[in-house]
Amino acid sequence: MQFRRRKKSQITLSIAPLVDIVFLLLIFFLLSSSYVQPSIKLNLPEAKNQEAAEEQEIVVTVDKTGTIYLNRDPVEFDELSERLSNLMKTTSQREIIFRGDRTIAYDLFVRIMDTAKRAGAENIHISHQYQGDHGDGDS
């Protein structure tokens, strides 16, 4: 008598979804963790006289009345070139930040930019506020 053997169905486990989940978890933990730069802990000596580590920015500001300020100090337009030159000689700073009220005359803006370049400024950054897209249709 012959017995027929039943073929056992083999259970197959697909590992592809498991690998996908592991990679997703790995990416999540990599993106959500913060990395701290390793540093050497030192106990530095103290000094009573210390120069500033970072140089002060040179800021030229013009308010709505046309008053010119050089780093918060009011200055006449005729003195601006000389004061800028002296300030750039005492520091290695060659960049100027221009802050002007939106209502100042364009002529004054151009004259100040020209004066700054003649005084030795290499870069002039124009400070402004970002308003974003208000959806007014103007592009």
N, C-alpha and C. Protein backbone atom coordinates (compact mmCIF):
# COMPACT_ATOMS: atom_id res chain seq x y z
N MET A 1 0.83 -1.14 0.00
CA MET A 1 0.00 0.00 0.00
C MET A 1 0.90 1.24 0.00
N GLN A 2 0.55 2.11 -0.83
CA GLN A 2 1.33 3.33 -0.96
C GLN A 2 0.56 4.49 -0.34
N PHE A 3 1.28 5.23 0.44
CA PHE A 3 0.66 6.42 1.03
C PHE A 3 1.08 7.64 0.22
N ARG A 4 0.10 8.41 0.00
CA ARG A 4 0.43 9.66 -0.69
C ARG A 4 0.84 10.70 0.33
N ARG A 5 1.91 11.22 0.08
CA ARG A 5 2.36 12.28 0.99
C ARG A 5 1.79 13.61 0.55
N ARG A 6 1.36 14.28 1.53
CA ARG A 6 0.89 15.63 1.25
C ARG A 6 2.09 16.56 1.19
N LYS A 7 2.06 17.39 0.22
CA LYS A 7 3.13 18.38 0.15
C LYS A 7 2.81 19.48 1.14
N LYS A 8 3.77 19.72 1.97
CA LYS A 8 3.57 20.79 2.94
C LYS A 8 3.78 22.13 2.24
N SER A 9 2.89 23.01 2.53
CA SER A 9 3.09 24.34 1.96
C SER A 9 4.19 25.04 2.76
N GLN A 10 5.12 25.54 2.05
CA GLN A 10 6.24 26.20 2.72
C GLN A 10 5.85 27.63 3.07
N ILE A 11 6.19 27.98 4.25
CA ILE A 11 5.91 29.34 4.69
C ILE A 11 7.09 30.21 4.26
N THR A 12 6.78 31.24 3.50
CA THR A 12 7.82 32.16 3.04
C THR A 12 7.62 33.49 3.74
N LEU A 13 8.70 33.99 4.18
CA LEU A 13 8.67 35.28 4.86
C LEU A 13 9.39 36.28 3.97
N SER A 14 8.65 37.24 3.50
CA SER A 14 9.25 38.28 2.67
C SER A 14 9.93 39.29 3.58
N ILE A 15 11.19 39.50 3.34
CA ILE A 15 11.96 40.38 4.22
C ILE A 15 11.98 41.82 3.71
N ALA A 16 11.52 42.06 2.50
CA ALA A 16 11.55 43.40 1.92
C ALA A 16 10.78 44.43 2.76
N PRO A 17 9.56 44.18 3.23
CA PRO A 17 8.87 45.18 4.05
C PRO A 17 9.59 45.44 5.38
N LEU A 18 10.20 44.41 5.93
CA LEU A 18 10.94 44.58 7.17
C LEU A 18 12.15 45.50 6.97
N VAL A 19 12.84 45.32 5.87
CA VAL A 19 13.99 46.18 5.55
C VAL A 19 13.53 47.62 5.34
N ASP A 20 12.40 47.80 4.67
CA ASP A 20 11.86 49.15 4.46
C ASP A 20 11.58 49.85 5.79
N ILE A 21 10.97 49.14 6.71
CA ILE A 21 10.64 49.72 8.01
C ILE A 21 11.90 50.06 8.79
N VAL A 22 12.91 49.19 8.72
CA VAL A 22 14.17 49.45 9.42
C VAL A 22 14.83 50.70 8.85
N PHE A 23 14.83 50.83 7.54
CA PHE A 23 15.43 52.02 6.94
C PHE A 23 14.64 53.28 7.30
N LEU A 24 13.34 53.22 7.34
CA LEU A 24 12.54 54.37 7.73
C LEU A 24 12.83 54.78 9.17
N LEU A 25 12.96 53.81 10.06
CA LEU A 25 13.30 54.11 11.44
C LEU A 25 14.69 54.72 11.55
N LEU A 26 15.62 54.19 10.77
CA LEU A 26 16.98 54.73 10.78
C LEU A 26 16.99 56.18 10.33
N ILE A 27 16.29 56.48 9.25
CA ILE A 27 16.22 57.86 8.76
C ILE A 27 15.55 58.77 9.78
N PHE A 28 14.48 58.29 10.42
CA PHE A 28 13.80 59.09 11.42
C PHE A 28 14.74 59.43 12.58
N PHE A 29 15.46 58.47 13.08
CA PHE A 29 16.37 58.73 14.20
C PHE A 29 17.55 59.61 13.79
N LEU A 30 18.03 59.46 12.58
CA LEU A 30 19.12 60.32 12.12
C LEU A 30 18.67 61.77 12.01
N LEU A 31 17.47 61.99 11.51
CA LEU A 31 16.98 63.36 11.34
C LEU A 31 16.52 64.00 12.64
N SER A 32 16.07 63.20 13.58
CA SER A 32 15.53 63.78 14.81
C SER A 32 16.58 63.91 15.91
N SER A 33 17.71 63.29 15.75
CA SER A 33 18.74 63.40 16.80
C SER A 33 19.60 64.62 16.55
N SER A 34 20.09 65.19 17.60
CA SER A 34 20.97 66.35 17.47
C SER A 34 22.40 65.90 17.70
N TYR A 35 23.26 66.44 16.90
CA TYR A 35 24.66 66.08 17.01
C TYR A 35 25.40 67.15 17.78
N VAL A 36 26.17 66.76 18.72
CA VAL A 36 26.98 67.69 19.50
C VAL A 36 28.41 67.52 19.04
N GLN A 37 29.00 68.64 18.66
CA GLN A 37 30.39 68.58 18.24
C GLN A 37 31.27 68.24 19.43
N PRO A 38 32.12 67.26 19.27
CA PRO A 38 33.03 66.97 20.39
C PRO A 38 34.00 68.13 20.56
N SER A 39 34.23 68.50 21.78
CA SER A 39 35.13 69.62 22.03
C SER A 39 36.03 69.28 23.20
N ILE A 40 37.11 69.98 23.23
CA ILE A 40 38.06 69.81 24.32
C ILE A 40 37.69 70.81 25.40
N LYS A 41 37.49 70.33 26.59
CA LYS A 41 37.13 71.21 27.69
C LYS A 41 38.41 71.81 28.27
N LEU A 42 38.42 73.14 28.30
CA LEU A 42 39.58 73.85 28.81
C LEU A 42 39.15 74.80 29.92
N ASN A 43 40.04 75.02 30.83
CA ASN A 43 39.86 76.05 31.84
C ASN A 43 40.80 77.18 31.46
N LEU A 44 40.26 78.17 30.73
CA LEU A 44 41.09 79.22 30.18
C LEU A 44 41.45 80.25 31.24
N PRO A 45 42.64 80.84 31.11
CA PRO A 45 43.02 81.90 32.05
C PRO A 45 42.20 83.16 31.81
N GLU A 46 42.10 83.98 32.83
CA GLU A 46 41.32 85.21 32.74
C GLU A 46 42.24 86.41 32.61
N ALA A 47 41.72 87.47 31.97
CA ALA A 47 42.47 88.71 31.83
C ALA A 47 41.52 89.87 32.08
N LYS A 48 42.06 90.94 32.62
CA LYS A 48 41.23 92.11 32.89
C LYS A 48 41.07 92.98 31.66
N ASN A 49 42.07 93.01 30.79
CA ASN A 49 42.01 93.81 29.58
C ASN A 49 41.87 92.85 28.41
N GLN A 50 40.78 92.98 27.68
CA GLN A 50 40.51 92.07 26.59
C GLN A 50 39.96 92.84 25.42
N GLU A 51 40.50 92.56 24.22
CA GLU A 51 39.98 93.18 23.02
C GLU A 51 38.81 92.36 22.51
N ALA A 52 37.93 93.00 21.81
CA ALA A 52 36.76 92.29 21.28
C ALA A 52 37.19 91.26 20.26
N ALA A 53 36.62 90.08 20.35
CA ALA A 53 36.99 89.01 19.44
C ALA A 53 36.45 89.29 18.03
N GLU A 54 35.26 89.81 17.96
CA GLU A 54 34.67 90.13 16.67
C GLU A 54 34.68 91.64 16.47
N GLU A 55 34.95 92.02 15.24
CA GLU A 55 34.97 93.45 14.95
C GLU A 55 33.55 93.97 14.81
N GLN A 56 33.41 95.22 15.13
CA GLN A 56 32.11 95.86 15.05
C GLN A 56 31.75 96.09 13.59
N GLU A 57 30.48 95.91 13.27
CA GLU A 57 30.00 96.18 11.92
C GLU A 57 29.96 97.68 11.69
N ILE A 58 30.15 98.08 10.46
CA ILE A 58 30.03 99.49 10.11
C ILE A 58 28.65 99.67 9.49
N VAL A 59 27.80 100.45 10.17
CA VAL A 59 26.42 100.64 9.73
C VAL A 59 26.19 102.11 9.45
N VAL A 60 25.72 102.39 8.24
CA VAL A 60 25.31 103.75 7.87
C VAL A 60 23.79 103.73 7.82
N THR A 61 23.17 104.60 8.62
CA THR A 61 21.71 104.65 8.71
C THR A 61 21.23 106.04 8.32
N VAL A 62 20.14 106.07 7.57
CA VAL A 62 19.50 107.35 7.21
C VAL A 62 18.04 107.26 7.61
N ASP A 63 17.61 108.19 8.47
CA ASP A 63 16.20 108.16 8.90
C ASP A 63 15.34 108.95 7.93
N LYS A 64 14.05 109.02 8.21
CA LYS A 64 13.12 109.65 7.27
C LYS A 64 13.32 111.15 7.13
N THR A 65 14.00 111.77 8.10
CA THR A 65 14.29 113.21 7.99
C THR A 65 15.57 113.47 7.19
N GLY A 66 16.30 112.41 6.83
CA GLY A 66 17.54 112.56 6.07
C GLY A 66 18.77 112.66 6.96
N THR A 67 18.62 112.47 8.25
CA THR A 67 19.76 112.50 9.16
C THR A 67 20.58 111.23 8.97
N ILE A 68 21.89 111.39 8.82
CA ILE A 68 22.79 110.27 8.58
C ILE A 68 23.47 109.89 9.89
N TYR A 69 23.50 108.60 10.18
CA TYR A 69 24.16 108.08 11.38
C TYR A 69 25.24 107.10 10.95
N LEU A 70 26.37 107.17 11.61
CA LEU A 70 27.44 106.20 11.41
C LEU A 70 27.60 105.45 12.72
N ASN A 71 27.14 104.20 12.75
CA ASN A 71 27.15 103.40 13.98
C ASN A 71 26.50 104.16 15.13
N ARG A 72 25.30 104.62 14.95
CA ARG A 72 24.48 105.32 15.94
C ARG A 72 24.93 106.75 16.26
N ASP A 73 26.01 107.21 15.67
CA ASP A 73 26.47 108.59 15.88
C ASP A 73 26.03 109.44 14.71
N PRO A 74 25.32 110.55 14.97
CA PRO A 74 24.93 111.42 13.87
C PRO A 74 26.16 112.03 13.21
N VAL A 75 26.12 112.11 11.90
CA VAL A 75 27.26 112.65 11.14
C VAL A 75 26.71 113.46 9.96
N GLU A 76 27.38 114.53 9.64
CA GLU A 76 27.01 115.34 8.48
C GLU A 76 27.50 114.62 7.21
N PHE A 77 26.82 114.86 6.09
CA PHE A 77 27.20 114.19 4.85
C PHE A 77 28.63 114.53 4.45
N ASP A 78 29.04 115.78 4.69
CA ASP A 78 30.40 116.21 4.31
C ASP A 78 31.47 115.48 5.12
N GLU A 79 31.16 115.04 6.33
CA GLU A 79 32.12 114.35 7.18
C GLU A 79 32.10 112.83 6.98
N LEU A 80 31.10 112.31 6.27
CA LEU A 80 30.90 110.87 6.16
C LEU A 80 32.10 110.16 5.53
N SER A 81 32.63 110.69 4.46
CA SER A 81 33.75 110.04 3.77
C SER A 81 34.97 109.93 4.67
N GLU A 82 35.30 111.01 5.34
CA GLU A 82 36.47 111.01 6.23
C GLU A 82 36.27 110.06 7.41
N ARG A 83 35.08 110.09 8.01
CA ARG A 83 34.81 109.22 9.15
C ARG A 83 34.83 107.74 8.75
N LEU A 84 34.26 107.43 7.57
CA LEU A 84 34.30 106.05 7.09
C LEU A 84 35.73 105.60 6.82
N SER A 85 36.52 106.45 6.19
CA SER A 85 37.92 106.12 5.92
C SER A 85 38.68 105.84 7.20
N ASN A 86 38.50 106.72 8.20
CA ASN A 86 39.20 106.53 9.47
C ASN A 86 38.75 105.25 10.17
N LEU A 87 37.47 104.97 10.11
CA LEU A 87 36.95 103.76 10.76
C LEU A 87 37.47 102.50 10.07
N MET A 88 37.57 102.53 8.76
CA MET A 88 38.07 101.36 8.04
C MET A 88 39.59 101.20 8.18
N LYS A 89 40.30 102.30 8.46
CA LYS A 89 41.74 102.20 8.70
C LYS A 89 42.04 101.56 10.05
N THR A 90 41.21 101.84 11.04
CA THR A 90 41.45 101.31 12.38
C THR A 90 41.00 99.86 12.52
N THR A 91 40.14 99.39 11.62
CA THR A 91 39.70 98.00 11.65
C THR A 91 39.97 97.38 10.28
N SER A 92 39.87 96.10 10.20
CA SER A 92 40.04 95.44 8.90
C SER A 92 38.69 95.26 8.20
N GLN A 93 37.66 95.86 8.76
CA GLN A 93 36.31 95.74 8.21
C GLN A 93 36.20 96.56 6.93
N ARG A 94 35.80 95.91 5.83
CA ARG A 94 35.63 96.60 4.56
C ARG A 94 34.21 96.46 4.02
N GLU A 95 33.32 96.01 4.88
CA GLU A 95 31.92 95.87 4.49
C GLU A 95 31.08 96.88 5.26
N ILE A 96 30.13 97.47 4.55
CA ILE A 96 29.25 98.47 5.16
C ILE A 96 27.81 97.99 5.00
N ILE A 97 27.03 98.16 6.06
CA ILE A 97 25.61 97.86 6.01
C ILE A 97 24.87 99.18 5.92
N PHE A 98 24.04 99.32 4.90
CA PHE A 98 23.25 100.54 4.73
C PHE A 98 21.82 100.27 5.16
N ARG A 99 21.33 101.09 6.08
CA ARG A 99 19.94 101.01 6.53
C ARG A 99 19.30 102.36 6.26
N GLY A 100 18.31 102.39 5.41
CA GLY A 100 17.66 103.64 5.08
C GLY A 100 16.16 103.53 5.15
N ASP A 101 15.54 104.61 5.59
CA ASP A 101 14.08 104.66 5.62
C ASP A 101 13.56 104.59 4.19
N ARG A 102 12.39 104.01 4.01
CA ARG A 102 11.85 103.84 2.67
C ARG A 102 11.50 105.16 1.99
N THR A 103 11.40 106.24 2.76
CA THR A 103 11.00 107.52 2.19
C THR A 103 12.17 108.43 1.85
N ILE A 104 13.42 107.98 2.03
CA ILE A 104 14.54 108.87 1.73
C ILE A 104 14.67 109.04 0.21
N ALA A 105 15.30 110.14 -0.16
CA ALA A 105 15.47 110.44 -1.58
C ALA A 105 16.48 109.48 -2.20
N TYR A 106 16.19 109.04 -3.40
CA TYR A 106 17.08 108.12 -4.12
C TYR A 106 18.43 108.76 -4.35
N ASP A 107 18.44 110.05 -4.58
CA ASP A 107 19.69 110.79 -4.79
C ASP A 107 20.60 110.68 -3.57
N LEU A 108 20.04 110.80 -2.38
CA LEU A 108 20.82 110.68 -1.15
C LEU A 108 21.38 109.28 -1.01
N PHE A 109 20.58 108.27 -1.33
CA PHE A 109 21.03 106.88 -1.29
C PHE A 109 22.24 106.67 -2.21
N VAL A 110 22.15 107.15 -3.44
CA VAL A 110 23.24 106.98 -4.40
C VAL A 110 24.49 107.73 -3.95
N ARG A 111 24.33 108.93 -3.43
CA ARG A 111 25.49 109.70 -2.95
C ARG A 111 26.18 109.00 -1.79
N ILE A 112 25.41 108.41 -0.88
CA ILE A 112 26.01 107.70 0.26
C ILE A 112 26.74 106.45 -0.23
N MET A 113 26.16 105.72 -1.19
CA MET A 113 26.83 104.53 -1.73
C MET A 113 28.14 104.93 -2.41
N ASP A 114 28.13 106.01 -3.16
CA ASP A 114 29.33 106.49 -3.84
C ASP A 114 30.39 106.91 -2.82
N THR A 115 29.97 107.61 -1.78
CA THR A 115 30.89 108.05 -0.73
C THR A 115 31.52 106.84 -0.03
N ALA A 116 30.73 105.83 0.24
CA ALA A 116 31.24 104.63 0.91
C ALA A 116 32.27 103.91 0.04
N LYS A 117 32.01 103.81 -1.25
CA LYS A 117 32.96 103.17 -2.16
C LYS A 117 34.27 103.96 -2.24
N ARG A 118 34.16 105.29 -2.32
CA ARG A 118 35.37 106.12 -2.36
C ARG A 118 36.15 106.06 -1.05
N ALA A 119 35.48 105.79 0.05
CA ALA A 119 36.14 105.70 1.35
C ALA A 119 36.86 104.37 1.53
N GLY A 120 36.61 103.41 0.63
CA GLY A 120 37.32 102.14 0.71
C GLY A 120 36.45 100.93 0.97
N ALA A 121 35.15 101.08 0.95
CA ALA A 121 34.27 99.93 1.19
C ALA A 121 34.32 98.99 0.00
N GLU A 122 34.48 97.71 0.29
CA GLU A 122 34.50 96.71 -0.78
C GLU A 122 33.11 96.16 -1.05
N ASN A 123 32.32 95.98 0.00
CA ASN A 123 30.96 95.47 -0.14
C ASN A 123 30.01 96.37 0.63
N ILE A 124 28.86 96.63 0.04
CA ILE A 124 27.83 97.41 0.70
C ILE A 124 26.57 96.56 0.72
N HIS A 125 26.11 96.24 1.91
CA HIS A 125 24.90 95.44 2.08
C HIS A 125 23.74 96.37 2.41
N ILE A 126 22.63 96.16 1.74
CA ILE A 126 21.45 97.00 1.96
C ILE A 126 20.49 96.23 2.85
N SER A 127 20.23 96.77 4.02
CA SER A 127 19.36 96.12 4.99
C SER A 127 17.91 96.40 4.63
N HIS A 128 17.08 95.37 4.76
CA HIS A 128 15.65 95.51 4.47
C HIS A 128 14.87 94.51 5.30
N GLN A 129 13.57 94.68 5.30
CA GLN A 129 12.68 93.73 5.97
C GLN A 129 12.01 92.88 4.93
N TYR A 130 11.87 91.59 5.22
CA TYR A 130 11.18 90.67 4.33
C TYR A 130 9.70 90.67 4.68
N GLN A 131 8.87 90.95 3.69
CA GLN A 131 7.44 91.00 3.94
C GLN A 131 6.74 89.73 3.50
N GLY A 132 7.33 88.95 2.65
CA GLY A 132 6.68 87.73 2.18
C GLY A 132 5.65 88.04 1.11
N ASP A 133 4.97 86.98 0.66
CA ASP A 133 3.95 87.11 -0.38
C ASP A 133 2.60 87.41 0.27
N HIS A 134 2.06 88.58 -0.04
CA HIS A 134 0.77 88.96 0.52
C HIS A 134 -0.37 88.62 -0.43
N GLY A 135 -0.03 88.07 -1.59
CA GLY A 135 -1.08 87.68 -2.53
C GLY A 135 -1.80 88.84 -3.15
N ASP A 136 -1.10 89.98 -3.35
CA ASP A 136 -1.76 91.14 -3.93
C ASP A 136 -1.74 91.11 -5.46
N GLY A 137 -1.13 90.07 -6.03
CA GLY A 137 -1.17 89.94 -7.47
C GLY A 137 -0.01 90.62 -8.17
N ASP A 138 0.77 91.43 -7.51
CA ASP A 138 1.90 92.09 -8.14
C ASP A 138 3.08 91.15 -8.15
N SER A 139 3.70 90.98 -9.32
CA SER A 139 4.86 90.11 -9.42
C SER A 139 6.03 90.85 -9.99
